[in-house]
């Protein structure tokens, strides 16, 4: 994969981080609101289950962005 591919993965990770962090924060203030157009209403455990999934996706986005950033820097050296 070239440097552009790692840049794309880094962007994807940062977008996931921003979207799911915002959904997690919004769900903390309004437990009954449907987040992300109801795409995660299937998650068992109602509010708590959805919050855990959002936080796991935030962590995955953070790891993906950091990994892609590091790999892109190693490639350019």
N, C-alpha and C. Protein backbone atom coordinates (compact mmCIF):
# COMPACT_ATOMS: atom_id res chain seq x y z
N UNK A 1 0.85 -1.16 0.00
CA UNK A 1 0.00 0.00 0.00
C UNK A 1 0.90 1.23 0.00
N UNK A 2 0.52 2.21 -0.77
CA UNK A 2 1.32 3.42 -0.86
C UNK A 2 0.97 4.42 0.23
N UNK A 3 1.66 5.53 0.20
CA UNK A 3 1.45 6.56 1.21
C UNK A 3 0.03 7.11 1.15
N UNK A 4 -0.52 7.19 -0.07
CA UNK A 4 -1.90 7.67 -0.22
C UNK A 4 -2.91 6.73 0.41
N UNK A 5 -2.64 5.43 0.36
CA UNK A 5 -3.54 4.47 0.99
C UNK A 5 -3.57 4.62 2.50
N UNK A 6 -2.39 4.82 3.08
CA UNK A 6 -2.34 5.03 4.53
C UNK A 6 -2.97 6.36 4.92
N UNK A 7 -2.84 7.36 4.06
CA UNK A 7 -3.49 8.63 4.33
C UNK A 7 -5.01 8.47 4.30
N UNK A 8 -5.50 7.68 3.36
CA UNK A 8 -6.93 7.40 3.30
C UNK A 8 -7.43 6.67 4.53
N UNK A 9 -6.67 5.70 5.00
CA UNK A 9 -7.05 4.99 6.23
C UNK A 9 -7.01 5.90 7.44
N UNK A 10 -6.05 6.81 7.46
CA UNK A 10 -5.97 7.77 8.56
C UNK A 10 -7.20 8.68 8.55
N UNK A 11 -7.59 9.13 7.38
CA UNK A 11 -8.78 9.98 7.27
C UNK A 11 -10.02 9.21 7.69
N UNK A 12 -10.13 7.96 7.25
CA UNK A 12 -11.27 7.12 7.64
C UNK A 12 -11.33 6.94 9.16
N UNK A 13 -10.19 6.71 9.78
CA UNK A 13 -10.14 6.56 11.24
C UNK A 13 -10.55 7.83 11.96
N UNK A 14 -10.12 8.97 11.45
CA UNK A 14 -10.47 10.24 12.10
C UNK A 14 -11.95 10.57 11.92
N UNK A 15 -12.51 10.24 10.76
CA UNK A 15 -13.94 10.45 10.55
C UNK A 15 -14.75 9.56 11.49
N UNK A 16 -14.34 8.30 11.61
CA UNK A 16 -15.02 7.38 12.54
C UNK A 16 -14.92 7.91 13.96
N UNK A 17 -13.75 8.39 14.33
CA UNK A 17 -13.55 8.96 15.66
C UNK A 17 -14.51 10.11 15.91
N UNK A 18 -14.60 11.02 14.97
CA UNK A 18 -15.46 12.20 15.15
C UNK A 18 -16.94 11.83 15.19
N UNK A 19 -17.38 10.97 14.29
CA UNK A 19 -18.80 10.62 14.21
C UNK A 19 -19.24 9.84 15.44
N UNK A 20 -18.48 8.82 15.82
CA UNK A 20 -18.92 7.99 16.93
C UNK A 20 -18.70 8.66 18.29
N UNK A 21 -17.70 9.53 18.39
CA UNK A 21 -17.53 10.28 19.65
C UNK A 21 -18.69 11.24 19.84
N UNK A 22 -19.11 11.88 18.76
CA UNK A 22 -20.25 12.79 18.86
C UNK A 22 -21.52 12.03 19.23
N UNK A 23 -21.72 10.86 18.65
CA UNK A 23 -22.90 10.06 18.98
C UNK A 23 -22.86 9.61 20.44
N UNK A 24 -21.68 9.22 20.92
CA UNK A 24 -21.56 8.79 22.32
C UNK A 24 -21.84 9.95 23.27
N UNK A 25 -21.31 11.12 22.97
CA UNK A 25 -21.53 12.28 23.84
C UNK A 25 -22.99 12.70 23.81
N UNK A 26 -23.60 12.70 22.64
CA UNK A 26 -25.02 13.06 22.56
C UNK A 26 -25.90 12.07 23.33
N UNK A 27 -25.54 10.80 23.27
CA UNK A 27 -26.36 9.81 23.98
C UNK A 27 -26.21 9.94 25.49
N UNK A 28 -25.12 10.51 25.96
CA UNK A 28 -24.98 10.74 27.40
C UNK A 28 -25.99 11.76 27.90
N UNK A 29 -26.33 12.74 27.05
CA UNK A 29 -27.23 13.80 27.48
C UNK A 29 -28.70 13.49 27.19
N UNK A 30 -28.97 12.67 26.19
CA UNK A 30 -30.35 12.32 25.86
C UNK A 30 -30.42 10.82 25.59
N UNK A 31 -30.74 10.07 26.63
CA UNK A 31 -30.72 8.61 26.57
C UNK A 31 -31.75 8.05 25.59
N UNK A 32 -32.86 8.74 25.41
CA UNK A 32 -33.93 8.19 24.59
C UNK A 32 -33.83 8.59 23.12
N UNK A 33 -32.93 9.48 22.78
CA UNK A 33 -32.81 9.93 21.39
C UNK A 33 -32.19 8.84 20.52
N UNK A 34 -32.61 8.81 19.28
CA UNK A 34 -32.05 7.86 18.32
C UNK A 34 -30.80 8.49 17.71
N UNK A 35 -29.66 7.82 17.88
CA UNK A 35 -28.39 8.32 17.37
C UNK A 35 -28.10 7.72 16.00
N UNK A 36 -27.47 8.48 15.16
CA UNK A 36 -27.03 8.04 13.83
C UNK A 36 -28.18 7.42 13.05
N UNK A 37 -29.31 8.11 13.04
CA UNK A 37 -30.49 7.76 12.25
C UNK A 37 -31.00 6.35 12.55
N UNK A 38 -30.78 5.88 13.75
CA UNK A 38 -31.29 4.58 14.16
C UNK A 38 -30.51 3.38 13.64
N UNK A 39 -29.33 3.61 13.10
CA UNK A 39 -28.55 2.51 12.53
C UNK A 39 -28.07 1.53 13.60
N UNK A 40 -28.03 1.96 14.86
CA UNK A 40 -27.55 1.10 15.94
C UNK A 40 -28.65 0.74 16.93
N UNK A 41 -29.88 0.85 16.50
CA UNK A 41 -30.99 0.47 17.38
C UNK A 41 -31.08 -1.03 17.59
N UNK A 42 -30.42 -1.81 16.75
CA UNK A 42 -30.44 -3.27 16.86
C UNK A 42 -29.55 -3.79 17.99
N UNK A 43 -28.70 -2.93 18.53
CA UNK A 43 -27.75 -3.35 19.56
C UNK A 43 -28.51 -3.69 20.84
N UNK A 44 -28.29 -4.88 21.42
CA UNK A 44 -28.98 -5.23 22.65
C UNK A 44 -28.47 -4.39 23.83
N UNK A 45 -29.31 -4.21 24.80
CA UNK A 45 -28.93 -3.47 25.98
C UNK A 45 -29.37 -2.03 25.96
N UNK A 46 -30.13 -1.66 24.97
CA UNK A 46 -30.66 -0.31 24.80
C UNK A 46 -29.56 0.74 24.93
N UNK A 47 -29.72 1.71 25.83
CA UNK A 47 -28.78 2.83 25.89
C UNK A 47 -27.37 2.39 26.25
N UNK A 48 -27.23 1.56 27.24
CA UNK A 48 -25.91 1.13 27.68
C UNK A 48 -25.17 0.33 26.62
N UNK A 49 -25.89 -0.53 25.94
CA UNK A 49 -25.28 -1.33 24.88
C UNK A 49 -24.81 -0.46 23.72
N UNK A 50 -25.66 0.49 23.32
CA UNK A 50 -25.28 1.39 22.23
C UNK A 50 -24.10 2.26 22.62
N UNK A 51 -24.06 2.71 23.86
CA UNK A 51 -22.94 3.54 24.32
C UNK A 51 -21.64 2.75 24.28
N UNK A 52 -21.68 1.50 24.69
CA UNK A 52 -20.47 0.66 24.65
C UNK A 52 -20.01 0.45 23.21
N UNK A 53 -20.95 0.21 22.30
CA UNK A 53 -20.58 0.04 20.89
C UNK A 53 -19.98 1.32 20.34
N UNK A 54 -20.57 2.46 20.65
CA UNK A 54 -20.02 3.74 20.18
C UNK A 54 -18.60 3.96 20.72
N UNK A 55 -18.38 3.66 21.98
CA UNK A 55 -17.06 3.85 22.56
C UNK A 55 -16.04 2.88 21.97
N UNK A 56 -16.46 1.66 21.68
CA UNK A 56 -15.56 0.71 21.02
C UNK A 56 -15.20 1.19 19.60
N UNK A 57 -16.16 1.75 18.90
CA UNK A 57 -15.89 2.27 17.56
C UNK A 57 -15.01 3.52 17.61
N UNK A 58 -15.15 4.33 18.65
CA UNK A 58 -14.24 5.47 18.85
C UNK A 58 -12.82 4.96 19.04
N UNK A 59 -12.66 3.94 19.88
CA UNK A 59 -11.33 3.37 20.11
C UNK A 59 -10.77 2.76 18.83
N UNK A 60 -11.60 2.07 18.06
CA UNK A 60 -11.14 1.48 16.80
C UNK A 60 -10.71 2.56 15.82
N UNK A 61 -11.45 3.65 15.74
CA UNK A 61 -11.07 4.76 14.86
C UNK A 61 -9.77 5.40 15.29
N UNK A 62 -9.57 5.52 16.59
CA UNK A 62 -8.33 6.09 17.12
C UNK A 62 -7.14 5.20 16.79
N UNK A 63 -7.30 3.90 17.00
CA UNK A 63 -6.22 2.96 16.71
C UNK A 63 -5.91 2.94 15.21
N UNK A 64 -6.95 2.92 14.37
CA UNK A 64 -6.75 2.91 12.92
C UNK A 64 -6.03 4.16 12.45
N UNK A 65 -6.44 5.32 12.94
CA UNK A 65 -5.80 6.57 12.53
C UNK A 65 -4.35 6.62 12.99
N UNK A 66 -4.08 6.20 14.20
CA UNK A 66 -2.71 6.20 14.71
C UNK A 66 -1.81 5.22 13.98
N UNK A 67 -2.34 4.03 13.71
CA UNK A 67 -1.57 3.02 12.99
C UNK A 67 -1.25 3.48 11.58
N UNK A 68 -2.26 4.03 10.89
CA UNK A 68 -2.04 4.49 9.52
C UNK A 68 -1.07 5.66 9.49
N UNK A 69 -1.13 6.52 10.48
CA UNK A 69 -0.19 7.65 10.55
C UNK A 69 1.24 7.15 10.71
N UNK A 70 1.43 6.21 11.62
CA UNK A 70 2.78 5.65 11.85
C UNK A 70 3.31 4.92 10.62
N UNK A 71 2.46 4.13 9.98
CA UNK A 71 2.89 3.39 8.78
C UNK A 71 3.21 4.35 7.64
N UNK A 72 2.44 5.40 7.50
CA UNK A 72 2.70 6.39 6.46
C UNK A 72 4.01 7.11 6.68
N UNK A 73 4.32 7.40 7.94
CA UNK A 73 5.61 8.06 8.25
C UNK A 73 6.77 7.12 7.99
N UNK A 74 6.61 5.83 8.32
CA UNK A 74 7.70 4.87 8.07
C UNK A 74 7.93 4.69 6.58
N UNK A 75 6.88 4.75 5.81
CA UNK A 75 6.98 4.58 4.36
C UNK A 75 7.71 5.76 3.71
N UNK A 76 7.52 6.95 4.27
CA UNK A 76 8.14 8.13 3.66
C UNK A 76 9.60 8.30 4.06
N UNK A 77 10.10 7.52 5.01
CA UNK A 77 11.49 7.63 5.42
C UNK A 77 12.40 6.95 4.48
